[in-house]
Amino acid sequence: MSFDMIAPLLIFSDQVSIITSDGRNFVGTLKGFDQTINLILDDSHERVYSPTQGVEQVVLGLHIIRGDNVAIVGEVDESLDSRLDLHKLKADPISSVVY
């Protein structure tokens, strides 16, 4: 993922969802990034998916994600996200990226 690809998508103070190459999903308010796509999230949490339980949200607060671990960055539609009942949502965890 290059800096030129990500820069137009990112507006500071927007809620973003980040999927890392090891399959983790972080959601938070984007506060900054650099040319190597190191990302700074505030008010962040990790969403942990399970096929048997609802989504667990682990509160992280201010969190930095190394750019070499970022697989996907997307803007969160906050009105849609707020309507999701994550406690009832069940899903298999995302697999790690295999090179």
PDB file of N, CA and C in Angstrom:
ATOM      1  N   MET A   1       0.860  -1.166   0.000  1.00  0.00           N
ATOM      2  CA  MET A   1       0.000   0.000   0.000  1.00  0.00           C
ATOM      3  C   MET A   1       0.903   1.225   0.000  1.00  0.00           C
ATOM      4  N   SER A   2       0.674   2.131  -0.925  1.00  0.00           N
ATOM      5  CA  SER A   2       1.538   3.307  -1.013  1.00  0.00           C
ATOM      6  C   SER A   2       0.878   4.521  -0.368  1.00  0.00           C
ATOM      7  N   PHE A   3       1.711   5.489  -0.035  1.00  0.00           N
ATOM      8  CA  PHE A   3       1.245   6.733   0.571  1.00  0.00           C
ATOM      9  C   PHE A   3       0.260   7.450  -0.355  1.00  0.00           C
ATOM     10  N   ASP A   4       0.527   7.440  -1.673  1.00  0.00           N
ATOM     11  CA  ASP A   4      -0.352   8.114  -2.638  1.00  0.00           C
ATOM     12  C   ASP A   4      -1.736   7.488  -2.684  1.00  0.00           C
ATOM     13  N   MET A   5      -1.823   6.193  -2.411  1.00  0.00           N
ATOM     14  CA  MET A   5      -3.121   5.519  -2.428  1.00  0.00           C
ATOM     15  C   MET A   5      -3.944   5.857  -1.192  1.00  0.00           C
ATOM     16  N   ILE A   6      -3.287   6.004  -0.074  1.00  0.00           N
ATOM     17  CA  ILE A   6      -4.009   6.182   1.187  1.00  0.00           C
ATOM     18  C   ILE A   6      -4.326   7.654   1.480  1.00  0.00           C
ATOM     19  N   ALA A   7      -3.490   8.574   1.057  1.00  0.00           N
ATOM     20  CA  ALA A   7      -3.642   9.984   1.416  1.00  0.00           C
ATOM     21  C   ALA A   7      -5.005  10.575   1.060  1.00  0.00           C
ATOM     22  N   PRO A   8      -5.560  10.332  -0.140  1.00  0.00           N
ATOM     23  CA  PRO A   8      -6.868  10.927  -0.442  1.00  0.00           C
ATOM     24  C   PRO A   8      -8.005  10.391   0.418  1.00  0.00           C
ATOM     25  N   LEU A   9      -7.846   9.203   0.983  1.00  0.00           N
ATOM     26  CA  LEU A   9      -8.908   8.604   1.785  1.00  0.00           C
ATOM     27  C   LEU A   9      -8.955   9.124   3.209  1.00  0.00           C
ATOM     28  N   LEU A  10      -7.841   9.660   3.665  1.00  0.00           N
ATOM     29  CA  LEU A  10      -7.719   9.964   5.080  1.00  0.00           C
ATOM     30  C   LEU A  10      -7.914  11.441   5.363  1.00  0.00           C
ATOM     31  N   ILE A  11      -8.910  11.724   6.137  1.00  0.00           N
ATOM     32  CA  ILE A  11      -9.164  13.071   6.620  1.00  0.00           C
ATOM     33  C   ILE A  11      -9.094  12.977   8.134  1.00  0.00           C
ATOM     34  N   PHE A  12      -8.232  13.784   8.729  1.00  0.00           N
ATOM     35  CA  PHE A  12      -8.060  13.695  10.173  1.00  0.00           C
ATOM     36  C   PHE A  12      -9.387  13.924  10.888  1.00  0.00           C
ATOM     37  N   SER A  13      -9.574  13.214  11.949  1.00  0.00           N
ATOM     38  CA  SER A  13     -10.758  13.192  12.785  1.00  0.00           C
ATOM     39  C   SER A  13     -11.861  12.326  12.193  1.00  0.00           C
ATOM     40  N   ASP A  14     -11.615  11.645  11.084  1.00  0.00           N
ATOM     41  CA  ASP A  14     -12.577  10.670  10.571  1.00  0.00           C
ATOM     42  C   ASP A  14     -12.391   9.341  11.289  1.00  0.00           C
ATOM     43  N   GLN A  15     -13.488   8.629  11.449  1.00  0.00           N
ATOM     44  CA  GLN A  15     -13.447   7.286  12.019  1.00  0.00           C
ATOM     45  C   GLN A  15     -12.998   6.339  10.911  1.00  0.00           C
ATOM     46  N   VAL A  16     -11.973   5.531  11.187  1.00  0.00           N
ATOM     47  CA  VAL A  16     -11.461   4.590  10.200  1.00  0.00           C
ATOM     48  C   VAL A  16     -11.422   3.181  10.780  1.00  0.00           C
ATOM     49  N   SER A  17     -11.463   2.211   9.885  1.00  0.00           N
ATOM     50  CA  SER A  17     -11.284   0.812  10.245  1.00  0.00           C
ATOM     51  C   SER A  17     -10.017   0.330   9.554  1.00  0.00           C
ATOM     52  N   ILE A  18      -9.158  -0.333  10.301  1.00  0.00           N
ATOM     53  CA  ILE A  18      -7.883  -0.795   9.768  1.00  0.00           C
ATOM     54  C   ILE A  18      -7.794  -2.299   9.992  1.00  0.00           C
ATOM     55  N   ILE A  19      -7.514  -3.014   8.910  1.00  0.00           N
ATOM     56  CA  ILE A  19      -7.257  -4.443   9.009  1.00  0.00           C
ATOM     57  C   ILE A  19      -5.770  -4.643   8.783  1.00  0.00           C
ATOM     58  N   THR A  20      -5.149  -5.346   9.697  1.00  0.00           N
ATOM     59  CA  THR A  20      -3.708  -5.555   9.616  1.00  0.00           C
ATOM     60  C   THR A  20      -3.404  -6.887   8.914  1.00  0.00           C
ATOM     61  N   SER A  21      -2.158  -7.067   8.542  1.00  0.00           N
ATOM     62  CA  SER A  21      -1.770  -8.275   7.814  1.00  0.00           C
ATOM     63  C   SER A  21      -1.898  -9.542   8.665  1.00  0.00           C
ATOM     64  N   ASP A  22      -1.975  -9.385   9.978  1.00  0.00           N
ATOM     65  CA  ASP A  22      -2.189 -10.559  10.834  1.00  0.00           C
ATOM     66  C   ASP A  22      -3.672 -10.781  11.147  1.00  0.00           C
ATOM     67  N   GLY A  23      -4.569 -10.033  10.465  1.00  0.00           N
ATOM     68  CA  GLY A  23      -5.998 -10.265  10.563  1.00  0.00           C
ATOM     69  C   GLY A  23      -6.721  -9.518  11.669  1.00  0.00           C
ATOM     70  N   ARG A  24      -6.048  -8.595  12.336  1.00  0.00           N
ATOM     71  CA  ARG A  24      -6.703  -7.828  13.411  1.00  0.00           C
ATOM     72  C   ARG A  24      -7.464  -6.645  12.817  1.00  0.00           C
ATOM     73  N   ASN A  25      -8.539  -6.232  13.502  1.00  0.00           N
ATOM     74  CA  ASN A  25      -9.372  -5.122  13.032  1.00  0.00           C
ATOM     75  C   ASN A  25      -9.409  -4.045  14.111  1.00  0.00           C
ATOM     76  N   PHE A  26      -8.887  -2.864  13.771  1.00  0.00           N
ATOM     77  CA  PHE A  26      -8.870  -1.735  14.684  1.00  0.00           C
ATOM     78  C   PHE A  26      -9.795  -0.648  14.150  1.00  0.00           C
ATOM     79  N   VAL A  27     -10.525  -0.008  15.048  1.00  0.00           N
ATOM     80  CA  VAL A  27     -11.405   1.101  14.680  1.00  0.00           C
ATOM     81  C   VAL A  27     -11.081   2.259  15.612  1.00  0.00           C
ATOM     82  N   GLY A  28     -10.948   3.455  15.036  1.00  0.00           N
ATOM     83  CA  GLY A  28     -10.650   4.624  15.851  1.00  0.00           C
ATOM     84  C   GLY A  28     -10.647   5.890  15.025  1.00  0.00           C
ATOM     85  N   THR A  29     -10.365   6.987  15.692  1.00  0.00           N
ATOM     86  CA  THR A  29     -10.305   8.291  15.043  1.00  0.00           C
ATOM     87  C   THR A  29      -8.885   8.538  14.552  1.00  0.00           C
ATOM     88  N   LEU A  30      -8.747   8.755  13.261  1.00  0.00           N
ATOM     89  CA  LEU A  30      -7.433   8.978  12.685  1.00  0.00           C
ATOM     90  C   LEU A  30      -6.888  10.318  13.144  1.00  0.00           C
ATOM     91  N   LYS A  31      -5.694  10.295  13.735  1.00  0.00           N
ATOM     92  CA  LYS A  31      -5.056  11.528  14.202  1.00  0.00           C
ATOM     93  C   LYS A  31      -3.814  11.883  13.408  1.00  0.00           C
ATOM     94  N   GLY A  32      -3.230  10.905  12.721  1.00  0.00           N
ATOM     95  CA  GLY A  32      -2.041  11.206  11.938  1.00  0.00           C
ATOM     96  C   GLY A  32      -1.493   9.982  11.247  1.00  0.00           C
ATOM     97  N   PHE A  33      -0.634  10.235  10.252  1.00  0.00           N
ATOM     98  CA  PHE A  33       0.074   9.176   9.552  1.00  0.00           C
ATOM     99  C   PHE A  33       1.316   9.776   8.916  1.00  0.00           C
ATOM    100  N   ASP A  34       2.234   8.916   8.487  1.00  0.00           N
ATOM    101  CA  ASP A  34       3.447   9.405   7.840  1.00  0.00           C
ATOM    102  C   ASP A  34       3.650   8.696   6.500  1.00  0.00           C
ATOM    103  N   GLN A  35       4.794   8.931   5.877  1.00  0.00           N
ATOM    104  CA  GLN A  35       5.043   8.409   4.542  1.00  0.00           C
ATOM    105  C   GLN A  35       5.174   6.889   4.503  1.00  0.00           C
ATOM    106  N   THR A  36       5.378   6.255   5.639  1.00  0.00           N
ATOM    107  CA  THR A  36       5.442   4.791   5.669  1.00  0.00           C
ATOM    108  C   THR A  36       4.138   4.176   6.176  1.00  0.00           C
ATOM    109  N   ILE A  37       3.083   4.965   6.215  1.00  0.00           N
ATOM    110  CA  ILE A  37       1.739   4.565   6.616  1.00  0.00           C
ATOM    111  C   ILE A  37       1.661   4.118   8.079  1.00  0.00           C
ATOM    112  N   ASN A  38       2.586   4.582   8.922  1.00  0.00           N
ATOM    113  CA  ASN A  38       2.380   4.419  10.361  1.00  0.00           C
ATOM    114  C   ASN A  38       1.158   5.261  10.704  1.00  0.00           C
ATOM    115  N   LEU A  39       0.203   4.680  11.408  1.00  0.00           N
ATOM    116  CA  LEU A  39      -1.069   5.352  11.686  1.00  0.00           C
ATOM    117  C   LEU A  39      -1.227   5.597  13.180  1.00  0.00           C
ATOM    118  N   ILE A  40      -1.768   6.760  13.521  1.00  0.00           N
ATOM    119  CA  ILE A  40      -2.071   7.099  14.910  1.00  0.00           C
ATOM    120  C   ILE A  40      -3.586   7.173  15.038  1.00  0.00           C
ATOM    121  N   LEU A  41      -4.138   6.350  15.921  1.00  0.00           N
ATOM    122  CA  LEU A  41      -5.570   6.338  16.190  1.00  0.00           C
ATOM    123  C   LEU A  41      -5.822   6.793  17.615  1.00  0.00           C
ATOM    124  N   ASP A  42      -6.893   7.558  17.798  1.00  0.00           N
ATOM    125  CA  ASP A  42      -7.322   7.957  19.131  1.00  0.00           C
ATOM    126  C   ASP A  42      -8.699   7.366  19.376  1.00  0.00           C
ATOM    127  N   ASP A  43      -9.077   7.226  20.622  1.00  0.00           N
ATOM    128  CA  ASP A  43     -10.366   6.607  20.990  1.00  0.00           C
ATOM    129  C   ASP A  43     -10.563   5.302  20.226  1.00  0.00           C
ATOM    130  N   SER A  44      -9.533   4.478  20.199  1.00  0.00           N
ATOM    131  CA  SER A  44      -9.573   3.271  19.367  1.00  0.00           C
ATOM    132  C   SER A  44      -9.942   2.036  20.178  1.00  0.00           C
ATOM    133  N   HIS A  45     -10.374   1.039  19.434  1.00  0.00           N
ATOM    134  CA  HIS A  45     -10.639  -0.271  20.010  1.00  0.00           C
ATOM    135  C   HIS A  45     -10.359  -1.329  18.953  1.00  0.00           C
ATOM    136  N   GLU A  46     -10.096  -2.527  19.417  1.00  0.00           N
ATOM    137  CA  GLU A  46      -9.929  -3.665  18.515  1.00  0.00           C
ATOM    138  C   GLU A  46     -11.207  -4.486  18.564  1.00  0.00           C
ATOM    139  N   ARG A  47     -11.682  -4.866  17.391  1.00  0.00           N
ATOM    140  CA  ARG A  47     -12.849  -5.745  17.309  1.00  0.00           C
ATOM    141  C   ARG A  47     -12.357  -7.169  17.109  1.00  0.00           C
ATOM    142  N   VAL A  48     -12.693  -8.018  18.064  1.00  0.00           N
ATOM    143  CA  VAL A  48     -12.268  -9.415  18.030  1.00  0.00           C
ATOM    144  C   VAL A  48     -13.489 -10.265  17.681  1.00  0.00           C
ATOM    145  N   TYR A  49     -13.412 -10.923  16.523  1.00  0.00           N
ATOM    146  CA  TYR A  49     -14.542 -11.713  16.023  1.00  0.00           C
ATOM    147  C   TYR A  49     -14.435 -13.159  16.468  1.00  0.00           C
ATOM    148  N   SER A  50     -15.604 -13.780  16.666  1.00  0.00           N
ATOM    149  CA  SER A  50     -15.671 -15.169  17.100  1.00  0.00           C
ATOM    150  C   SER A  50     -16.868 -15.833  16.426  1.00  0.00           C
ATOM    151  N   PRO A  51     -16.734 -17.101  16.018  1.00  0.00           N
ATOM    152  CA  PRO A  51     -17.871 -17.793  15.415  1.00  0.00           C
ATOM    153  C   PRO A  51     -18.919 -18.233  16.437  1.00  0.00           C
ATOM    154  N   THR A  52     -18.595 -18.174  17.727  1.00  0.00           N
ATOM    155  CA  THR A  52     -19.522 -18.646  18.757  1.00  0.00           C
ATOM    156  C   THR A  52     -20.065 -17.542  19.659  1.00  0.00           C
ATOM    157  N   GLN A  53     -19.384 -16.388  19.700  1.00  0.00           N
ATOM    158  CA  GLN A  53     -19.805 -15.289  20.565  1.00  0.00           C
ATOM    159  C   GLN A  53     -19.932 -14.024  19.727  1.00  0.00           C
ATOM    160  N   GLY A  54     -20.497 -12.996  20.323  1.00  0.00           N
ATOM    161  CA  GLY A  54     -20.545 -11.707  19.655  1.00  0.00           C
ATOM    162  C   GLY A  54     -19.167 -11.082  19.564  1.00  0.00           C
ATOM    163  N   VAL A  55     -19.080  -9.957  18.895  1.00  0.00           N
ATOM    164  CA  VAL A  55     -17.813  -9.256  18.714  1.00  0.00           C
ATOM    165  C   VAL A  55     -17.386  -8.632  20.039  1.00  0.00           C
ATOM    166  N   GLU A  56     -16.166  -8.934  20.456  1.00  0.00           N
ATOM    167  CA  GLU A  56     -15.604  -8.315  21.661  1.00  0.00           C
ATOM    168  C   GLU A  56     -14.861  -7.059  21.234  1.00  0.00           C
ATOM    169  N   GLN A  57     -15.095  -5.949  21.937  1.00  0.00           N
ATOM    170  CA  GLN A  57     -14.397  -4.708  21.643  1.00  0.00           C
ATOM    171  C   GLN A  57     -13.426  -4.415  22.781  1.00  0.00           C
ATOM    172  N   VAL A  58     -12.138  -4.474  22.461  1.00  0.00           N
ATOM    173  CA  VAL A  58     -11.082  -4.238  23.440  1.00  0.00           C
ATOM    174  C   VAL A  58     -10.662  -2.777  23.324  1.00  0.00           C
ATOM    175  N   VAL A  59     -10.901  -1.996  24.362  1.00  0.00           N
ATOM    176  CA  VAL A  59     -10.587  -0.565  24.347  1.00  0.00           C
ATOM    177  C   VAL A  59      -9.075  -0.374  24.416  1.00  0.00           C
ATOM    178  N   LEU A  60      -8.541   0.451  23.500  1.00  0.00           N
ATOM    179  CA  LEU A  60      -7.103   0.698  23.426  1.00  0.00           C
ATOM    180  C   LEU A  60      -6.739   2.157  23.681  1.00  0.00           C
ATOM    181  N   GLY A  61      -7.652   3.087  23.419  1.00  0.00           N
ATOM    182  CA  GLY A  61      -7.344   4.511  23.575  1.00  0.00           C
ATOM    183  C   GLY A  61      -6.460   4.990  22.444  1.00  0.00           C
ATOM    184  N   LEU A  62      -5.366   5.683  22.775  1.00  0.00           N
ATOM    185  CA  LEU A  62      -4.414   6.147  21.765  1.00  0.00           C
ATOM    186  C   LEU A  62      -3.574   4.950  21.330  1.00  0.00           C
ATOM    187  N   HIS A  63      -3.519   4.704  20.010  1.00  0.00           N
ATOM    188  CA  HIS A  63      -2.874   3.486  19.510  1.00  0.00           C
ATOM    189  C   HIS A  63      -2.116   3.797  18.226  1.00  0.00           C
ATOM    190  N   ILE A  64      -0.925   3.235  18.100  1.00  0.00           N
ATOM    191  CA  ILE A  64      -0.109   3.410  16.895  1.00  0.00           C
ATOM    192  C   ILE A  64       0.000   2.067  16.190  1.00  0.00           C
ATOM    193  N   ILE A  65      -0.239   2.074  14.879  1.00  0.00           N
ATOM    194  CA  ILE A  65      -0.131   0.861  14.072  1.00  0.00           C
ATOM    195  C   ILE A  65       1.000   1.060  13.071  1.00  0.00           C
ATOM    196  N   ARG A  66       1.955   0.151  13.089  1.00  0.00           N
ATOM    197  CA  ARG A  66       3.085   0.239  12.153  1.00  0.00           C
ATOM    198  C   ARG A  66       2.603   0.064  10.713  1.00  0.00           C
ATOM    199  N   GLY A  67       3.142   0.893   9.836  1.00  0.00           N
ATOM    200  CA  GLY A  67       2.728   0.881   8.442  1.00  0.00           C
ATOM    201  C   GLY A  67       2.973  -0.419   7.723  1.00  0.00           C
ATOM    202  N   ASP A  68       4.035  -1.136   8.084  1.00  0.00           N
ATOM    203  CA  ASP A  68       4.313  -2.393   7.388  1.00  0.00           C
ATOM    204  C   ASP A  68       3.338  -3.499   7.779  1.00  0.00           C
ATOM    205  N   ASN A  69       2.479  -3.247   8.758  1.00  0.00           N
ATOM    206  CA  ASN A  69       1.478  -4.216   9.180  1.00  0.00           C
ATOM    207  C   ASN A  69       0.079  -3.865   8.668  1.00  0.00           C
ATOM    208  N   VAL A  70      -0.075  -2.728   7.990  1.00  0.00           N
ATOM    209  CA  VAL A  70      -1.384  -2.288   7.509  1.00  0.00           C
ATOM    210  C   VAL A  70      -1.717  -2.984   6.190  1.00  0.00           C
ATOM    211  N   ALA A  71      -2.873  -3.647   6.140  1.00  0.00           N
ATOM    212  CA  ALA A  71      -3.327  -4.297   4.907  1.00  0.00           C
ATOM    213  C   ALA A  71      -4.422  -3.476   4.241  1.00  0.00           C
ATOM    214  N   ILE A  72      -5.416  -3.003   5.012  1.00  0.00           N
ATOM    215  CA  ILE A  72      -6.555  -2.264   4.466  1.00  0.00           C
ATOM    216  C   ILE A  72      -6.910  -1.123   5.406  1.00  0.00           C
ATOM    217  N   VAL A  73      -7.184   0.053   4.827  1.00  0.00           N
ATOM    218  CA  VAL A  73      -7.691   1.200   5.585  1.00  0.00           C
ATOM    219  C   VAL A  73      -8.986   1.647   4.914  1.00  0.00           C
ATOM    220  N   GLY A  74     -10.019   1.825   5.705  1.00  0.00           N
ATOM    221  CA  GLY A  74     -11.287   2.281   5.150  1.00  0.00           C
ATOM    222  C   GLY A  74     -11.984   3.233   6.099  1.00  0.00           C
ATOM    223  N   GLU A  75     -12.743   4.155   5.530  1.00  0.00           N
ATOM    224  CA  GLU A  75     -13.523   5.088   6.330  1.00  0.00           C
ATOM    225  C   GLU A  75     -14.774   4.385   6.849  1.00  0.00           C
ATOM    226  N   VAL A  76     -15.112   4.626   8.099  1.00  0.00           N
ATOM    227  CA  VAL A  76     -16.285   4.011   8.719  1.00  0.00           C
ATOM    228  C   VAL A  76     -17.490   4.920   8.515  1.00  0.00           C
ATOM    229  N   ASP A  77     -18.579   4.350   8.026  1.00  0.00           N
ATOM    230  CA  ASP A  77     -19.855   5.067   7.953  1.00  0.00           C
ATOM    231  C   ASP A  77     -20.450   5.000   9.360  1.00  0.00           C
ATOM    232  N   GLU A  78     -20.308   6.082  10.106  1.00  0.00           N
ATOM    233  CA  GLU A  78     -20.668   6.063  11.529  1.00  0.00           C
ATOM    234  C   GLU A  78     -22.154   5.829  11.765  1.00  0.00           C
ATOM    235  N   SER A  79     -23.020   6.307  10.875  1.00  0.00           N
ATOM    236  CA  SER A  79     -24.453   6.078  11.071  1.00  0.00           C
ATOM    237  C   SER A  79     -24.794   4.599  10.880  1.00  0.00           C
ATOM    238  N   LEU A  80     -24.166   3.949   9.930  1.00  0.00           N
ATOM    239  CA  LEU A  80     -24.377   2.514   9.721  1.00  0.00           C
ATOM    240  C   LEU A  80     -23.740   1.706  10.846  1.00  0.00           C
ATOM    241  N   ASP A  81     -22.536   2.075  11.234  1.00  0.00           N
ATOM    242  CA  ASP A  81     -21.812   1.356  12.282  1.00  0.00           C
ATOM    243  C   ASP A  81     -22.557   1.415  13.614  1.00  0.00           C
ATOM    244  N   SER A  82     -23.182   2.540  13.907  1.00  0.00           N
ATOM    245  CA  SER A  82     -23.896   2.683  15.180  1.00  0.00           C
ATOM    246  C   SER A  82     -25.151   1.801  15.244  1.00  0.00           C
ATOM    247  N   ARG A  83     -25.657   1.387  14.096  1.00  0.00           N
ATOM    248  CA  ARG A  83     -26.857   0.532  14.062  1.00  0.00           C
ATOM    249  C   ARG A  83     -26.530  -0.955  14.180  1.00  0.00           C
ATOM    250  N   LEU A  84     -25.245  -1.316  14.079  1.00  0.00           N
ATOM    251  CA  LEU A  84     -24.872  -2.719  14.191  1.00  0.00           C
ATOM    252  C   LEU A  84     -24.961  -3.186  15.639  1.00  0.00           C
ATOM    253  N   ASP A  85     -25.539  -4.347  15.846  1.00  0.00           N
ATOM    254  CA  ASP A  85     -25.552  -4.953  17.175  1.00  0.00           C
ATOM    255  C   ASP A  85     -24.383  -5.939  17.236  1.00  0.00           C
ATOM    256  N   LEU A  86     -23.232  -5.431  17.650  1.00  0.00           N
ATOM    257  CA  LEU A  86     -22.018  -6.234  17.620  1.00  0.00           C
ATOM    258  C   LEU A  86     -22.062  -7.420  18.585  1.00  0.00           C
ATOM    259  N   HIS A  87     -22.895  -7.346  19.614  1.00  0.00           N
ATOM    260  CA  HIS A  87     -22.986  -8.445  20.575  1.00  0.00           C
ATOM    261  C   HIS A  87     -23.652  -9.672  19.953  1.00  0.00           C
ATOM    262  N   LYS A  88     -24.455  -9.454  18.906  1.00  0.00           N
ATOM    263  CA  LYS A  88     -25.126 -10.571  18.238  1.00  0.00           C
ATOM    264  C   LYS A  88     -24.416 -10.999  16.955  1.00  0.00           C
ATOM    265  N   LEU A  89     -23.472 -10.211  16.501  1.00  0.00           N
ATOM    266  CA  LEU A  89     -22.761 -10.496  15.260  1.00  0.00           C
ATOM    267  C   LEU A  89     -21.689 -11.555  15.497  1.00  0.00           C
ATOM    268  N   LYS A  90     -21.765 -12.658  14.745  1.00  0.00           N
ATOM    269  CA  LYS A  90     -20.787 -13.742  14.878  1.00  0.00           C
ATOM    270  C   LYS A  90     -20.102 -13.934  13.537  1.00  0.00           C
ATOM    271  N   ALA A  91     -18.794 -14.119  13.578  1.00  0.00           N
ATOM    272  CA  ALA A  91     -18.025 -14.312  12.349  1.00  0.00           C
ATOM    273  C   ALA A  91     -16.699 -14.973  12.677  1.00  0.00           C
ATOM    274  N   ASP A  92     -16.170 -15.675  11.697  1.00  0.00           N
ATOM    275  CA  ASP A  92     -14.834 -16.239  11.865  1.00  0.00           C
ATOM    276  C   ASP A  92     -13.824 -15.104  11.861  1.00  0.00           C
ATOM    277  N   PRO A  93     -12.767 -15.230  12.640  1.00  0.00           N
ATOM    278  CA  PRO A  93     -11.703 -14.214  12.594  1.00  0.00           C
ATOM    279  C   PRO A  93     -11.077 -14.175  11.201  1.00  0.00           C
ATOM    280  N   ILE A  94     -10.542 -13.023  10.831  1.00  0.00           N
ATOM    281  CA  ILE A  94      -9.882 -12.875   9.541  1.00  0.00           C
ATOM    282  C   ILE A  94      -8.533 -13.569   9.610  1.00  0.00           C
ATOM    283  N   SER A  95      -8.216 -14.329   8.584  1.00  0.00           N
ATOM    284  CA  SER A  95      -6.931 -15.027   8.545  1.00  0.00           C
ATOM    285  C   SER A  95      -5.798 -14.062   8.264  1.00  0.00           C
ATOM    286  N   SER A  96      -4.593 -14.459   8.628  1.00  0.00           N
ATOM    287  CA  SER A  96      -3.410 -13.657   8.332  1.00  0.00           C
ATOM    288  C   SER A  96      -3.144 -13.667   6.835  1.00  0.00           C
ATOM    289  N   VAL A  97      -2.484 -12.607   6.369  1.00  0.00           N
ATOM    290  CA  VAL A  97      -2.089 -12.534   4.968  1.00  0.00           C
ATOM    291  C   VAL A  97      -0.911 -13.481   4.759  1.00  0.00           C
ATOM    292  N   VAL A  98      -0.993 -14.282   3.717  1.00  0.00           N
ATOM    293  CA  VAL A  98       0.080 -15.223   3.402  1.00  0.00           C
ATOM    294  C   VAL A  98       0.815 -14.678   2.183  1.00  0.00           C
ATOM    295  N   TYR A  99       2.120 -14.486   2.326  1.00  0.00           N
ATOM    296  CA  TYR A  99       2.924 -13.951   1.228  1.00  0.00           C
ATOM    297  C   TYR A  99       3.450 -15.058   0.358  1.00  0.00           C
TER     298      TYR A  99
END
